[in-house]
N, C-alpha and C. Protein backbone atom coordinates (compact mmCIF):
# COMPACT_ATOMS: atom_id res chain seq x y z
N MET A 1 108.62 129.36 72.42
CA MET A 1 107.61 129.46 71.38
C MET A 1 107.03 128.08 71.10
N ILE A 2 105.69 128.02 70.94
CA ILE A 2 105.00 126.81 70.56
C ILE A 2 104.68 126.88 69.07
N VAL A 3 105.04 125.86 68.32
CA VAL A 3 104.72 125.79 66.90
C VAL A 3 103.47 124.92 66.73
N VAL A 4 102.44 125.50 66.12
CA VAL A 4 101.17 124.80 65.91
C VAL A 4 101.03 124.48 64.42
N VAL A 5 100.77 123.22 64.10
CA VAL A 5 100.64 122.80 62.71
C VAL A 5 99.23 122.30 62.46
N ASP A 6 98.52 122.96 61.56
CA ASP A 6 97.16 122.56 61.20
C ASP A 6 96.78 123.29 59.92
N ASN A 7 96.06 122.64 59.06
CA ASN A 7 95.68 123.26 57.79
C ASN A 7 94.52 124.24 57.93
N ARG A 8 93.91 124.27 59.11
CA ARG A 8 92.78 125.18 59.33
C ARG A 8 93.28 126.45 60.03
N GLU A 9 93.16 127.56 59.32
CA GLU A 9 93.64 128.84 59.87
C GLU A 9 92.91 129.20 61.15
N LEU A 10 91.65 128.82 61.24
CA LEU A 10 90.88 129.09 62.45
C LEU A 10 91.52 128.42 63.66
N VAL A 11 92.06 127.22 63.45
CA VAL A 11 92.70 126.47 64.55
C VAL A 11 94.02 127.12 64.94
N THR A 12 94.88 127.39 63.96
CA THR A 12 96.19 127.97 64.28
C THR A 12 96.05 129.35 64.90
N ASP A 13 95.15 130.17 64.34
CA ASP A 13 94.93 131.51 64.91
C ASP A 13 94.39 131.42 66.33
N GLY A 14 93.49 130.46 66.54
CA GLY A 14 92.90 130.30 67.87
C GLY A 14 93.94 129.92 68.91
N TYR A 15 94.82 128.97 68.57
CA TYR A 15 95.85 128.57 69.53
C TYR A 15 96.88 129.68 69.75
N GLU A 16 97.23 130.40 68.70
CA GLU A 16 98.16 131.52 68.87
C GLU A 16 97.59 132.52 69.87
N SER A 17 96.30 132.81 69.76
CA SER A 17 95.66 133.75 70.67
C SER A 17 95.61 133.20 72.10
N MET A 18 95.23 131.93 72.25
CA MET A 18 95.11 131.35 73.59
C MET A 18 96.47 131.22 74.27
N PHE A 19 97.49 130.80 73.54
CA PHE A 19 98.83 130.74 74.13
C PHE A 19 99.30 132.14 74.50
N GLY A 20 98.99 133.11 73.65
CA GLY A 20 99.39 134.48 73.93
C GLY A 20 98.81 134.99 75.24
N ARG A 21 97.57 134.61 75.54
CA ARG A 21 96.95 135.04 76.80
C ARG A 21 97.65 134.41 78.01
N GLU A 22 98.36 133.30 77.78
CA GLU A 22 99.13 132.68 78.86
C GLU A 22 100.57 133.19 78.89
N GLY A 23 100.87 134.17 78.05
CA GLY A 23 102.22 134.73 78.02
C GLY A 23 103.22 133.90 77.25
N VAL A 24 102.72 133.03 76.37
CA VAL A 24 103.58 132.15 75.59
C VAL A 24 103.41 132.47 74.11
N SER A 25 104.50 132.71 73.41
CA SER A 25 104.42 133.00 71.98
C SER A 25 104.14 131.71 71.21
N ALA A 26 103.46 131.84 70.08
CA ALA A 26 103.13 130.69 69.24
C ALA A 26 103.15 131.11 67.78
N ALA A 27 103.46 130.17 66.92
CA ALA A 27 103.45 130.41 65.47
C ALA A 27 102.70 129.27 64.80
N GLY A 28 101.80 129.61 63.86
CA GLY A 28 101.01 128.61 63.19
C GLY A 28 101.48 128.36 61.76
N PHE A 29 101.42 127.10 61.32
CA PHE A 29 101.81 126.70 59.97
C PHE A 29 100.75 125.79 59.37
N ARG A 30 100.55 125.88 58.05
CA ARG A 30 99.88 124.81 57.33
C ARG A 30 100.89 123.66 57.20
N ALA A 31 100.38 122.45 56.97
CA ALA A 31 101.25 121.27 56.97
C ALA A 31 102.35 121.38 55.91
N ASP A 32 102.00 121.81 54.69
CA ASP A 32 103.01 121.89 53.65
C ASP A 32 104.05 122.96 53.95
N GLU A 33 103.62 124.10 54.51
CA GLU A 33 104.56 125.15 54.90
C GLU A 33 105.50 124.65 55.98
N PHE A 34 104.93 123.90 56.93
CA PHE A 34 105.73 123.44 58.05
C PHE A 34 106.82 122.49 57.60
N ARG A 35 106.51 121.57 56.71
CA ARG A 35 107.51 120.61 56.26
C ARG A 35 108.70 121.32 55.62
N ASP A 36 108.40 122.32 54.80
CA ASP A 36 109.48 123.10 54.18
C ASP A 36 110.28 123.85 55.23
N TRP A 37 109.57 124.44 56.20
CA TRP A 37 110.24 125.26 57.22
C TRP A 37 111.14 124.42 58.12
N VAL A 38 110.63 123.29 58.62
CA VAL A 38 111.40 122.52 59.59
C VAL A 38 112.66 121.93 58.98
N GLU A 39 112.66 121.74 57.67
CA GLU A 39 113.84 121.20 57.01
C GLU A 39 114.88 122.27 56.67
N THR A 40 114.47 123.53 56.61
CA THR A 40 115.38 124.59 56.17
C THR A 40 115.62 125.70 57.18
N ALA A 41 114.87 125.72 58.27
CA ALA A 41 114.98 126.81 59.25
C ALA A 41 116.37 126.85 59.88
N PRO A 42 116.90 128.04 60.15
CA PRO A 42 118.19 128.15 60.83
C PRO A 42 118.12 127.53 62.23
N GLU A 43 119.25 127.07 62.73
CA GLU A 43 119.31 126.48 64.06
C GLU A 43 118.81 127.45 65.13
N ALA A 44 119.09 128.74 64.94
CA ALA A 44 118.66 129.74 65.92
C ALA A 44 117.15 129.78 66.03
N ASP A 45 116.45 129.62 64.91
CA ASP A 45 114.98 129.61 64.94
C ASP A 45 114.46 128.35 65.63
N LEU A 46 115.04 127.22 65.32
CA LEU A 46 114.59 125.96 65.92
C LEU A 46 114.87 125.91 67.41
N SER A 47 115.95 126.54 67.84
CA SER A 47 116.28 126.54 69.27
C SER A 47 115.27 127.33 70.08
N ALA A 48 114.48 128.18 69.40
CA ALA A 48 113.48 128.98 70.10
C ALA A 48 112.19 128.20 70.33
N VAL A 49 112.06 127.03 69.73
CA VAL A 49 110.82 126.25 69.82
C VAL A 49 110.81 125.43 71.11
N GLU A 50 109.77 125.63 71.92
CA GLU A 50 109.63 124.89 73.17
C GLU A 50 108.86 123.59 72.97
N ALA A 51 107.98 123.56 71.97
CA ALA A 51 107.20 122.35 71.71
C ALA A 51 106.51 122.49 70.36
N PHE A 52 106.15 121.32 69.78
CA PHE A 52 105.40 121.27 68.53
C PHE A 52 104.02 120.68 68.82
N LEU A 53 102.99 121.37 68.38
CA LEU A 53 101.61 120.93 68.56
C LEU A 53 101.05 120.57 67.18
N LEU A 54 100.79 119.29 66.97
CA LEU A 54 100.37 118.79 65.67
C LEU A 54 98.87 118.58 65.64
N GLY A 55 98.18 119.35 64.80
CA GLY A 55 96.74 119.19 64.65
C GLY A 55 96.40 118.01 63.76
N ASP A 56 95.20 118.04 63.18
CA ASP A 56 94.75 116.90 62.37
C ASP A 56 94.91 117.25 60.89
N PHE A 57 95.84 116.57 60.20
CA PHE A 57 96.06 116.81 58.78
C PHE A 57 96.62 115.54 58.14
N ASP A 58 96.56 115.47 56.83
CA ASP A 58 97.04 114.28 56.12
C ASP A 58 98.54 114.10 56.31
N ASP A 59 98.97 112.86 56.35
CA ASP A 59 100.39 112.53 56.48
C ASP A 59 101.02 113.09 57.76
N ARG A 60 100.22 113.21 58.79
CA ARG A 60 100.74 113.76 60.05
C ARG A 60 101.84 112.89 60.63
N THR A 61 101.79 111.60 60.38
CA THR A 61 102.79 110.70 60.97
C THR A 61 104.18 110.89 60.36
N ILE A 62 104.28 111.67 59.27
CA ILE A 62 105.60 111.95 58.69
C ILE A 62 106.34 113.01 59.48
N CYS A 63 105.59 113.91 60.10
CA CYS A 63 106.19 115.08 60.75
C CYS A 63 107.16 114.75 61.89
N PRO A 64 106.85 113.80 62.76
CA PRO A 64 107.78 113.53 63.87
C PRO A 64 109.20 113.22 63.41
N ARG A 65 109.32 112.46 62.33
CA ARG A 65 110.67 112.13 61.83
C ARG A 65 111.38 113.39 61.34
N LEU A 66 110.67 114.27 60.65
CA LEU A 66 111.27 115.52 60.18
C LEU A 66 111.69 116.41 61.34
N ILE A 67 110.83 116.46 62.37
CA ILE A 67 111.13 117.29 63.54
C ILE A 67 112.35 116.76 64.28
N ARG A 68 112.38 115.44 64.51
CA ARG A 68 113.47 114.87 65.31
C ARG A 68 114.82 115.01 64.62
N ALA A 69 114.82 115.14 63.32
CA ALA A 69 116.08 115.34 62.61
C ALA A 69 116.69 116.70 62.92
N ARG A 70 115.87 117.64 63.44
CA ARG A 70 116.35 119.00 63.67
C ARG A 70 116.17 119.48 65.11
N SER A 71 115.28 118.85 65.87
CA SER A 71 114.94 119.38 67.19
C SER A 71 114.60 118.27 68.17
N LYS A 72 114.88 118.53 69.46
CA LYS A 72 114.52 117.60 70.53
C LYS A 72 113.31 118.08 71.32
N ALA A 73 112.66 119.15 70.85
CA ALA A 73 111.52 119.71 71.58
C ALA A 73 110.36 118.71 71.62
N PRO A 74 109.55 118.73 72.69
CA PRO A 74 108.41 117.81 72.79
C PRO A 74 107.44 117.97 71.63
N MET A 75 106.82 116.84 71.23
CA MET A 75 105.81 116.83 70.18
C MET A 75 104.51 116.29 70.76
N ILE A 76 103.45 117.07 70.66
CA ILE A 76 102.13 116.65 71.14
C ILE A 76 101.17 116.67 69.96
N ALA A 77 100.46 115.57 69.75
CA ALA A 77 99.46 115.48 68.68
C ALA A 77 98.07 115.66 69.27
N LEU A 78 97.24 116.41 68.58
CA LEU A 78 95.86 116.61 69.00
C LEU A 78 94.97 115.61 68.27
N SER A 79 94.07 115.00 69.00
CA SER A 79 93.17 114.00 68.43
C SER A 79 91.74 114.53 68.46
N GLU A 80 91.05 114.42 67.31
CA GLU A 80 89.65 114.88 67.23
C GLU A 80 88.72 113.95 67.99
N GLY A 81 89.13 112.74 68.22
CA GLY A 81 88.31 111.77 68.95
C GLY A 81 89.18 110.65 69.47
N ARG A 82 88.60 109.78 70.25
CA ARG A 82 89.38 108.68 70.83
C ARG A 82 89.40 107.51 69.84
N ASN A 83 90.52 107.38 69.14
CA ASN A 83 90.70 106.33 68.15
C ASN A 83 91.97 105.59 68.49
N LEU A 84 91.83 104.38 69.01
CA LEU A 84 92.99 103.64 69.51
C LEU A 84 94.03 103.41 68.43
N ASP A 85 93.59 102.96 67.25
CA ASP A 85 94.55 102.69 66.18
C ASP A 85 95.30 103.97 65.77
N GLY A 86 94.56 105.06 65.66
CA GLY A 86 95.19 106.33 65.30
C GLY A 86 96.19 106.79 66.35
N THR A 87 95.82 106.62 67.63
CA THR A 87 96.72 107.01 68.72
C THR A 87 97.99 106.17 68.70
N LEU A 88 97.84 104.85 68.51
CA LEU A 88 99.01 103.98 68.47
C LEU A 88 99.91 104.31 67.28
N ASP A 89 99.31 104.66 66.15
CA ASP A 89 100.09 105.05 64.97
C ASP A 89 100.92 106.30 65.26
N LEU A 90 100.33 107.27 65.98
CA LEU A 90 101.04 108.51 66.29
C LEU A 90 102.21 108.24 67.24
N PHE A 91 101.99 107.40 68.24
CA PHE A 91 103.09 107.07 69.15
C PHE A 91 104.19 106.31 68.41
N ALA A 92 103.79 105.42 67.52
CA ALA A 92 104.78 104.68 66.74
C ALA A 92 105.58 105.60 65.83
N ALA A 93 104.93 106.68 65.39
CA ALA A 93 105.62 107.66 64.53
C ALA A 93 106.62 108.49 65.30
N GLY A 94 106.46 108.55 66.65
CA GLY A 94 107.45 109.26 67.45
C GLY A 94 106.97 110.44 68.25
N VAL A 95 105.64 110.71 68.27
CA VAL A 95 105.17 111.82 69.09
C VAL A 95 105.33 111.46 70.57
N ASP A 96 105.40 112.47 71.40
CA ASP A 96 105.60 112.25 72.84
C ASP A 96 104.29 112.08 73.59
N ASP A 97 103.20 112.65 73.04
CA ASP A 97 101.92 112.56 73.73
C ASP A 97 100.80 112.79 72.72
N VAL A 98 99.64 112.21 72.99
CA VAL A 98 98.44 112.41 72.18
C VAL A 98 97.34 112.89 73.11
N VAL A 99 96.72 114.02 72.77
CA VAL A 99 95.71 114.63 73.63
C VAL A 99 94.41 114.79 72.86
N ALA A 100 93.33 114.34 73.45
CA ALA A 100 92.02 114.47 72.81
C ALA A 100 91.48 115.88 72.98
N LYS A 101 90.92 116.42 71.92
CA LYS A 101 90.29 117.73 71.99
C LYS A 101 88.87 117.59 72.53
N PRO A 102 88.35 118.63 73.20
CA PRO A 102 89.00 119.92 73.47
C PRO A 102 89.96 119.82 74.65
N VAL A 103 90.99 120.65 74.62
CA VAL A 103 91.98 120.67 75.70
C VAL A 103 92.41 122.12 75.93
N HIS A 104 92.55 122.49 77.18
CA HIS A 104 92.96 123.86 77.50
C HIS A 104 94.46 124.01 77.29
N VAL A 105 94.88 125.19 76.86
CA VAL A 105 96.31 125.40 76.61
C VAL A 105 97.13 125.25 77.89
N LYS A 106 96.54 125.49 79.04
CA LYS A 106 97.27 125.30 80.30
C LYS A 106 97.64 123.82 80.47
N GLU A 107 96.74 122.93 80.06
CA GLU A 107 97.05 121.51 80.15
C GLU A 107 98.16 121.14 79.16
N ILE A 108 98.11 121.73 77.97
CA ILE A 108 99.15 121.46 76.98
C ILE A 108 100.50 121.90 77.52
N LEU A 109 100.57 123.09 78.12
CA LEU A 109 101.83 123.58 78.68
C LEU A 109 102.31 122.68 79.82
N ALA A 110 101.36 122.19 80.63
CA ALA A 110 101.73 121.28 81.72
C ALA A 110 102.30 119.98 81.16
N ARG A 111 101.70 119.47 80.08
CA ARG A 111 102.19 118.25 79.46
C ARG A 111 103.57 118.46 78.84
N VAL A 112 103.77 119.63 78.24
CA VAL A 112 105.10 119.95 77.69
C VAL A 112 106.14 119.91 78.80
N GLY A 113 105.82 120.53 79.94
CA GLY A 113 106.74 120.52 81.07
C GLY A 113 107.03 119.12 81.57
N ALA A 114 105.98 118.27 81.61
CA ALA A 114 106.15 116.90 82.08
C ALA A 114 107.04 116.10 81.12
N ILE A 115 106.85 116.31 79.81
CA ILE A 115 107.68 115.61 78.82
C ILE A 115 109.13 116.03 78.96
N ARG A 116 109.35 117.32 79.14
CA ARG A 116 110.72 117.80 79.31
C ARG A 116 111.39 117.17 80.52
N ARG A 117 110.64 117.05 81.61
CA ARG A 117 111.22 116.44 82.81
C ARG A 117 111.52 114.96 82.58
N ARG A 118 110.63 114.27 81.87
CA ARG A 118 110.85 112.85 81.59
C ARG A 118 112.07 112.65 80.71
N ASN A 119 112.23 113.55 79.76
CA ASN A 119 113.30 113.39 78.78
C ASN A 119 114.64 113.92 79.27
N GLU A 120 114.63 114.56 80.42
CA GLU A 120 115.87 115.14 80.91
C GLU A 120 116.85 114.03 81.27
N THR A 121 117.95 113.95 80.57
CA THR A 121 118.91 112.88 80.80
C THR A 121 120.05 113.31 81.70
N GLU A 122 120.20 114.60 81.90
CA GLU A 122 121.24 115.10 82.76
C GLU A 122 120.62 115.58 84.06
N GLU A 123 121.43 116.00 84.98
CA GLU A 123 120.93 116.56 86.23
C GLU A 123 120.03 117.74 85.91
N ALA A 124 118.91 117.85 86.64
CA ALA A 124 117.91 118.87 86.34
C ALA A 124 118.36 120.25 86.81
N ARG A 125 119.64 120.48 86.85
CA ARG A 125 120.16 121.79 87.27
C ARG A 125 121.39 122.12 86.45
N THR A 126 121.46 123.35 85.99
CA THR A 126 122.63 123.84 85.28
C THR A 126 123.22 124.99 86.08
N VAL A 127 124.50 124.90 86.38
CA VAL A 127 125.15 125.89 87.24
C VAL A 127 126.21 126.65 86.46
N VAL A 128 126.13 127.96 86.55
CA VAL A 128 127.17 128.82 86.00
C VAL A 128 127.55 129.82 87.09
N GLY A 129 128.72 129.63 87.68
CA GLY A 129 129.13 130.49 88.77
C GLY A 129 128.16 130.39 89.94
N GLU A 130 127.57 131.51 90.33
CA GLU A 130 126.63 131.54 91.46
C GLU A 130 125.17 131.48 90.99
N ILE A 131 124.96 131.10 89.75
CA ILE A 131 123.61 131.02 89.19
C ILE A 131 123.27 129.57 88.89
N SER A 132 122.12 129.12 89.39
CA SER A 132 121.63 127.77 89.12
C SER A 132 120.27 127.87 88.44
N VAL A 133 120.13 127.21 87.30
CA VAL A 133 118.87 127.19 86.57
C VAL A 133 118.35 125.76 86.55
N TYR A 134 117.05 125.60 86.82
CA TYR A 134 116.45 124.27 86.90
C TYR A 134 115.54 124.00 85.71
N GLN A 135 115.49 122.74 85.28
CA GLN A 135 114.63 122.34 84.19
C GLN A 135 113.29 121.78 84.66
N ASP A 136 113.02 121.84 85.95
CA ASP A 136 111.78 121.26 86.47
C ASP A 136 110.76 122.32 86.89
N GLY A 137 110.97 123.57 86.44
CA GLY A 137 110.00 124.61 86.73
C GLY A 137 110.30 125.47 87.93
N ARG A 138 111.29 125.09 88.73
CA ARG A 138 111.63 125.91 89.89
C ARG A 138 112.29 127.22 89.48
N ASP A 139 112.16 128.22 90.37
CA ASP A 139 112.85 129.48 90.13
C ASP A 139 114.36 129.27 90.14
N ALA A 140 115.04 130.08 89.36
CA ALA A 140 116.50 130.03 89.39
C ALA A 140 117.01 130.44 90.77
N GLU A 141 118.19 129.94 91.13
CA GLU A 141 118.83 130.35 92.37
C GLU A 141 120.03 131.23 92.02
N VAL A 142 120.12 132.34 92.71
CA VAL A 142 121.22 133.28 92.50
C VAL A 142 121.84 133.57 93.86
N ALA A 143 123.14 133.31 93.98
CA ALA A 143 123.85 133.47 95.26
C ALA A 143 123.19 132.64 96.35
N GLY A 144 122.71 131.45 95.98
CA GLY A 144 122.17 130.52 96.97
C GLY A 144 120.73 130.72 97.35
N LYS A 145 120.04 131.72 96.74
CA LYS A 145 118.65 132.00 97.10
C LYS A 145 117.80 132.02 95.83
N PRO A 146 116.54 131.54 95.92
CA PRO A 146 115.65 131.59 94.75
C PRO A 146 115.42 133.04 94.31
N MET A 147 115.33 133.23 93.02
CA MET A 147 115.04 134.56 92.47
C MET A 147 113.84 134.44 91.53
N ALA A 148 112.71 134.96 91.98
CA ALA A 148 111.50 134.96 91.15
C ALA A 148 111.63 136.07 90.11
N LEU A 149 111.43 135.72 88.85
CA LEU A 149 111.57 136.67 87.75
C LEU A 149 110.32 136.64 86.88
N PRO A 150 109.99 137.77 86.24
CA PRO A 150 108.92 137.74 85.24
C PRO A 150 109.25 136.74 84.15
N ARG A 151 108.24 136.23 83.49
CA ARG A 151 108.43 135.13 82.54
C ARG A 151 109.51 135.40 81.50
N ARG A 152 109.48 136.61 80.91
CA ARG A 152 110.42 136.87 79.82
C ARG A 152 111.85 137.02 80.34
N GLU A 153 112.03 137.64 81.49
CA GLU A 153 113.38 137.74 82.05
C GLU A 153 113.89 136.36 82.45
N ARG A 154 112.99 135.55 82.98
CA ARG A 154 113.38 134.18 83.35
C ARG A 154 113.80 133.39 82.13
N ARG A 155 113.05 133.53 81.02
CA ARG A 155 113.39 132.81 79.80
C ARG A 155 114.74 133.26 79.24
N ILE A 156 115.02 134.56 79.34
CA ILE A 156 116.31 135.07 78.89
C ILE A 156 117.44 134.45 79.70
N LEU A 157 117.27 134.41 81.03
CA LEU A 157 118.30 133.82 81.89
C LEU A 157 118.49 132.35 81.55
N GLU A 158 117.39 131.62 81.36
CA GLU A 158 117.49 130.20 81.02
C GLU A 158 118.21 130.00 79.69
N TYR A 159 117.91 130.87 78.73
CA TYR A 159 118.53 130.75 77.41
C TYR A 159 120.01 131.04 77.48
N LEU A 160 120.38 132.09 78.23
CA LEU A 160 121.80 132.42 78.37
C LEU A 160 122.57 131.30 79.06
N VAL A 161 121.98 130.73 80.11
CA VAL A 161 122.64 129.65 80.84
C VAL A 161 122.74 128.40 79.96
N ALA A 162 121.67 128.11 79.20
CA ALA A 162 121.71 126.96 78.31
C ALA A 162 122.81 127.09 77.26
N ASN A 163 123.12 128.34 76.91
CA ASN A 163 124.17 128.61 75.91
C ASN A 163 125.44 129.15 76.57
N ARG A 164 125.65 128.75 77.81
CA ARG A 164 126.79 129.23 78.58
C ARG A 164 128.09 129.00 77.81
N GLY A 165 128.99 129.94 77.96
CA GLY A 165 130.30 129.81 77.32
C GLY A 165 130.36 130.35 75.91
N ARG A 166 129.21 130.77 75.36
CA ARG A 166 129.24 131.37 74.03
C ARG A 166 128.22 132.51 73.98
N ARG A 167 128.40 133.37 73.02
CA ARG A 167 127.52 134.53 72.90
C ARG A 167 126.31 134.22 72.01
N VAL A 168 125.20 134.84 72.36
CA VAL A 168 123.99 134.73 71.54
C VAL A 168 123.58 136.14 71.13
N SER A 169 123.01 136.24 69.96
CA SER A 169 122.64 137.56 69.44
C SER A 169 121.30 138.02 70.02
N LYS A 170 121.05 139.31 69.85
CA LYS A 170 119.77 139.87 70.27
C LYS A 170 118.63 139.19 69.50
N GLN A 171 118.87 138.87 68.23
CA GLN A 171 117.85 138.21 67.42
C GLN A 171 117.53 136.82 67.96
N GLN A 172 118.55 136.08 68.40
CA GLN A 172 118.31 134.76 68.96
C GLN A 172 117.49 134.86 70.24
N LEU A 173 117.82 135.82 71.09
CA LEU A 173 117.05 136.01 72.32
C LEU A 173 115.62 136.42 72.01
N PHE A 174 115.45 137.30 71.05
CA PHE A 174 114.11 137.74 70.67
C PHE A 174 113.28 136.54 70.19
N SER A 175 113.87 135.70 69.37
CA SER A 175 113.16 134.53 68.85
C SER A 175 112.77 133.58 69.97
N ALA A 176 113.66 133.41 70.94
CA ALA A 176 113.38 132.51 72.06
C ALA A 176 112.24 133.03 72.93
N ILE A 177 112.12 134.35 73.04
CA ILE A 177 111.12 134.94 73.94
C ILE A 177 109.80 135.19 73.24
N TYR A 178 109.86 135.77 72.05
CA TYR A 178 108.64 136.22 71.38
C TYR A 178 108.24 135.36 70.19
N GLY A 179 109.10 134.47 69.76
CA GLY A 179 108.79 133.68 68.58
C GLY A 179 109.38 134.32 67.34
N ILE A 180 109.54 133.53 66.31
CA ILE A 180 110.27 133.98 65.14
C ILE A 180 109.41 134.75 64.16
N PHE A 181 108.08 134.75 64.37
CA PHE A 181 107.22 135.41 63.40
C PHE A 181 106.39 136.52 64.02
N ASP A 182 106.74 136.97 65.19
CA ASP A 182 105.98 138.03 65.84
C ASP A 182 106.39 139.38 65.28
N GLU A 183 105.53 139.95 64.46
CA GLU A 183 105.83 141.24 63.84
C GLU A 183 105.23 142.39 64.62
N ASN A 184 104.53 142.08 65.71
CA ASN A 184 103.86 143.12 66.48
C ASN A 184 104.72 143.66 67.63
N VAL A 185 105.90 143.10 67.79
CA VAL A 185 106.80 143.51 68.87
C VAL A 185 108.12 143.94 68.27
N GLU A 186 108.62 145.10 68.67
CA GLU A 186 109.90 145.58 68.18
C GLU A 186 111.03 144.76 68.79
N GLU A 187 112.01 144.41 67.98
CA GLU A 187 113.12 143.59 68.46
C GLU A 187 113.88 144.27 69.59
N ASN A 188 113.91 145.61 69.58
CA ASN A 188 114.67 146.33 70.60
C ASN A 188 114.09 146.17 72.00
N VAL A 189 112.84 145.66 72.11
CA VAL A 189 112.26 145.48 73.43
C VAL A 189 113.08 144.49 74.25
N ILE A 190 113.81 143.61 73.56
CA ILE A 190 114.60 142.62 74.28
C ILE A 190 115.68 143.30 75.11
N GLU A 191 116.16 144.46 74.66
CA GLU A 191 117.19 145.19 75.40
C GLU A 191 116.66 145.64 76.76
N SER A 192 115.38 146.02 76.79
CA SER A 192 114.78 146.43 78.06
C SER A 192 114.71 145.26 79.03
N HIS A 193 114.29 144.09 78.55
CA HIS A 193 114.22 142.91 79.42
C HIS A 193 115.61 142.53 79.94
N ILE A 194 116.60 142.57 79.07
CA ILE A 194 117.96 142.21 79.48
C ILE A 194 118.48 143.20 80.50
N SER A 195 118.21 144.48 80.28
CA SER A 195 118.67 145.51 81.22
C SER A 195 118.09 145.28 82.61
N LYS A 196 116.78 144.98 82.67
CA LYS A 196 116.14 144.74 83.97
C LYS A 196 116.71 143.49 84.64
N LEU A 197 116.93 142.45 83.84
CA LEU A 197 117.50 141.22 84.40
C LEU A 197 118.90 141.47 84.94
N ARG A 198 119.71 142.18 84.19
CA ARG A 198 121.09 142.43 84.63
C ARG A 198 121.14 143.25 85.91
N LYS A 199 120.26 144.21 86.05
CA LYS A 199 120.20 145.01 87.28
C LYS A 199 119.85 144.14 88.49
N LYS A 200 118.89 143.23 88.30
CA LYS A 200 118.50 142.36 89.42
C LYS A 200 119.62 141.40 89.79
N LEU A 201 120.31 140.85 88.79
CA LEU A 201 121.42 139.96 89.07
C LEU A 201 122.56 140.70 89.77
N LYS A 202 122.81 141.93 89.34
CA LYS A 202 123.89 142.71 89.94
C LYS A 202 123.58 143.06 91.39
N MET A 203 122.30 143.38 91.66
CA MET A 203 121.90 143.69 93.04
C MET A 203 122.11 142.48 93.95
N ARG A 204 121.84 141.28 93.44
CA ARG A 204 121.97 140.08 94.25
C ARG A 204 123.44 139.64 94.37
N LEU A 205 124.19 139.74 93.26
CA LEU A 205 125.55 139.20 93.24
C LEU A 205 126.62 140.23 93.58
N GLY A 206 126.31 141.50 93.35
CA GLY A 206 127.32 142.54 93.53
C GLY A 206 128.12 142.79 92.27
N TYR A 207 127.81 142.04 91.22
CA TYR A 207 128.47 142.25 89.92
C TYR A 207 127.51 141.76 88.83
N ASP A 208 127.77 142.17 87.60
CA ASP A 208 126.94 141.78 86.48
C ASP A 208 127.53 140.55 85.80
N PRO A 209 126.85 139.40 85.86
CA PRO A 209 127.42 138.17 85.27
C PRO A 209 127.21 138.07 83.76
N VAL A 210 126.43 138.99 83.20
CA VAL A 210 126.13 138.95 81.77
C VAL A 210 127.11 139.85 81.02
N SER A 211 127.85 139.25 80.14
CA SER A 211 128.80 139.99 79.32
C SER A 211 128.13 140.36 77.99
N SER A 212 128.38 141.57 77.53
CA SER A 212 127.83 141.98 76.24
C SER A 212 128.91 142.68 75.43
N LYS A 213 128.93 142.38 74.15
CA LYS A 213 129.85 143.03 73.23
C LYS A 213 129.09 143.39 71.96
N ARG A 214 129.31 144.60 71.52
CA ARG A 214 128.62 145.08 70.34
C ARG A 214 128.92 144.18 69.13
N TYR A 215 127.89 143.85 68.40
CA TYR A 215 127.94 143.00 67.21
C TYR A 215 128.12 141.51 67.54
N LEU A 216 128.55 141.18 68.77
CA LEU A 216 128.79 139.78 69.11
C LEU A 216 127.65 139.19 69.96
N GLY A 217 127.00 140.03 70.75
CA GLY A 217 125.86 139.57 71.52
C GLY A 217 126.14 139.44 73.01
N TYR A 218 125.31 138.66 73.68
CA TYR A 218 125.34 138.51 75.12
C TYR A 218 125.76 137.09 75.51
N GLY A 219 126.33 136.98 76.71
CA GLY A 219 126.74 135.66 77.16
C GLY A 219 126.98 135.60 78.64
N ILE A 220 126.87 134.40 79.19
CA ILE A 220 127.21 134.11 80.59
C ILE A 220 128.32 133.07 80.56
N GLY A 221 129.35 133.30 81.36
CA GLY A 221 130.46 132.36 81.39
C GLY A 221 131.36 132.47 80.19
N VAL A 222 131.42 133.69 79.59
CA VAL A 222 132.33 133.93 78.46
C VAL A 222 133.32 135.01 78.84
N ASP A 223 134.47 135.01 78.21
CA ASP A 223 135.49 136.01 78.48
C ASP A 223 135.19 137.30 77.71
């Protein structure tokens, strides 16, 4: 999920729509709402955020410090024009990138991916049994071969592997895939995505690597 912060509803609604057309969930906040939310949101909600997109609003340079206290997700600031002093102030405040408007959401997503790769301090591969997940955009490998998956199934697999060794709830998975404020999608749809993913993994591996327990949730690499 991409979190967009701007006091203009036209801007937040527009980005939510454009990201949605790219298959990426987004949630928009006014600046004052966002400050309250980022300081009090549950960890499960914050873990669903893939990046923060900061529009043009007063006291914008305060936000990076608030975000970093709770999240390591990339922060990109949007600039209405090319202003060197303003750009330097944003970088000094802690944002990862400053992009001049207009900018296509595909470029924003590409920049988010580039920031994640730059910030990756560990090996760009996470292995759980016969499953390897990469942080550089490559398809996951299952039983030694790449496995191309639809975006939502791929995100579920990445989330489960990132949380290997412990269980995550259906609500946490839903938030990671659809965003925490999407009221237009039933939470139970996540069960369909998980079912399809598990069938594909079982066909490749000969067994189902995803463990599920009622009331406890789903997990990979758990007993």
